[in-house]
C-alpha atoms as a PDB file:
ATOM      1  CA  MET A   1      13.049   9.338  17.292  1.00  0.00           C
ATOM      2  CA  GLN A   2      15.340   8.408  14.485  1.00  0.00           C
ATOM      3  CA  ASP A   3      15.189   9.975  11.265  1.00  0.00           C
ATOM      4  CA  GLU A   4      17.563   7.979   9.455  1.00  0.00           C
ATOM      5  CA  ALA A   5      18.407   4.347   9.476  1.00  0.00           C
ATOM      6  CA  PHE A   6      20.303   1.399   7.344  1.00  0.00           C
ATOM      7  CA  TYR A   7      19.764  -1.476   5.775  1.00  0.00           C
ATOM      8  CA  ILE A   8      22.431  -4.252   4.261  1.00  0.00           C
ATOM      9  CA  CYS A   9      22.248  -4.902   0.314  1.00  0.00           C
ATOM     10  CA  ASP A  10      21.638  -8.829  -0.263  1.00  0.00           C
ATOM     11  CA  ALA A  11      22.851  -8.077  -3.320  1.00  0.00           C
ATOM     12  CA  CYS A  12      26.248  -6.463  -2.739  1.00  0.00           C
ATOM     13  CA  GLY A  13      26.486  -6.377   1.367  1.00  0.00           C
ATOM     14  CA  GLU A  14      27.018  -2.611   1.697  1.00  0.00           C
ATOM     15  CA  GLU A  15      25.296  -0.463   4.346  1.00  0.00           C
ATOM     16  CA  ILE A  16      22.487   1.913   2.955  1.00  0.00           C
ATOM     17  CA  VAL A  17      21.320   4.565   5.101  1.00  0.00           C
ATOM     18  CA  VAL A  18      17.694   5.748   4.445  1.00  0.00           C
ATOM     19  CA  PRO A  19      15.910   8.551   5.900  1.00  0.00           C
ATOM     20  CA  VAL A  20      12.836   7.378   8.018  1.00  0.00           C
ATOM     21  CA  ASP A  21       9.339   9.145   7.342  1.00  0.00           C
ATOM     22  CA  LEU A  22       7.342   8.581  10.276  1.00  0.00           C
ATOM     23  CA  SER A  23       4.203  10.062   8.670  1.00  0.00           C
ATOM     24  CA  GLN A  24       4.117   7.277   6.525  1.00  0.00           C
ATOM     25  CA  GLY A  25       3.044   5.196   9.548  1.00  0.00           C
ATOM     26  CA  SER A  26       4.948   2.675  11.513  1.00  0.00           C
ATOM     27  CA  ARG A  27       4.867  -0.383   9.017  1.00  0.00           C
ATOM     28  CA  GLN A  28       5.974   0.705   5.911  1.00  0.00           C
ATOM     29  CA  GLN A  29       6.895  -1.267   2.292  1.00  0.00           C
ATOM     30  CA  TYR A  30       8.781   0.289  -0.593  1.00  0.00           C
ATOM     31  CA  VAL A  31      11.048  -0.858  -3.175  1.00  0.00           C
ATOM     32  CA  GLU A  32      14.564   1.456  -3.416  1.00  0.00           C
ATOM     33  CA  ASP A  33      17.501   0.491  -5.909  1.00  0.00           C
ATOM     34  CA  CYS A  34      20.797  -0.045  -4.325  1.00  0.00           C
ATOM     35  CA  PRO A  35      22.611   3.307  -5.002  1.00  0.00           C
ATOM     36  CA  VAL A  36      26.381   1.207  -5.030  1.00  0.00           C
ATOM     37  CA  CYS A  37      25.151  -2.080  -6.917  1.00  0.00           C
ATOM     38  CA  CYS A  38      21.883  -0.345  -8.666  1.00  0.00           C
ATOM     39  CA  ARG A  39      19.874  -3.616  -7.461  1.00  0.00           C
ATOM     40  CA  PRO A  40      16.367  -3.450  -6.194  1.00  0.00           C
ATOM     41  CA  ASN A  41      15.463  -4.141  -2.721  1.00  0.00           C
ATOM     42  CA  VAL A  42      12.232  -4.225  -0.959  1.00  0.00           C
ATOM     43  CA  VAL A  43      12.551  -2.456   1.912  1.00  0.00           C
ATOM     44  CA  HIS A  44      10.871  -2.626   5.440  1.00  0.00           C
ATOM     45  CA  VAL A  45      10.070  -0.010   8.076  1.00  0.00           C
ATOM     46  CA  GLU A  46       8.992  -0.721  11.559  1.00  0.00           C
ATOM     47  CA  ILE A  47       8.384   1.797  13.958  1.00  0.00           C
ATOM     48  CA  ASP A  48       7.444   0.280  17.548  1.00  0.00           C
ATOM     49  CA  GLU A  49       5.468   2.187  20.517  1.00  0.00           C
ATOM     50  CA  ASP A  50       8.767   3.247  21.922  1.00  0.00           C
ATOM     51  CA  GLY A  51       9.927   5.340  18.694  1.00  0.00           C
ATOM     52  CA  GLN A  52      12.838   2.488  17.996  1.00  0.00           C
ATOM     53  CA  VAL A  53      13.308   2.001  14.230  1.00  0.00           C
ATOM     54  CA  CYS A  54      13.726  -1.501  12.616  1.00  0.00           C
ATOM     55  CA  VAL A  55      14.760  -1.283   8.766  1.00  0.00           C
ATOM     56  CA  TRP A  56      15.723  -4.633   6.616  1.00  0.00           C
ATOM     57  CA  ALA A  57      15.915  -5.194   2.861  1.00  0.00           C
ATOM     58  CA  GLU A  58      14.954  -8.374   0.556  1.00  0.00           C
ATOM     59  CA  PRO A  59      15.782  -8.720  -2.918  1.00  0.00           C
ATOM     60  CA  GLU A  60      12.603  -7.862  -5.370  1.00  0.00           C
END
């Protein structure tokens, strides 16, 4: 099971690594500022039944 994943910031195009907290369920959503450009992103995390993690973000 993955404990980290990444998304691409829509604003600056940088790859951002985020921790995956499995205790928060298989579908998660939260707002996080990009550590590079400081713009807020809505981060989506989905974990399927095989433990594969999919993370993507969109502008807030």
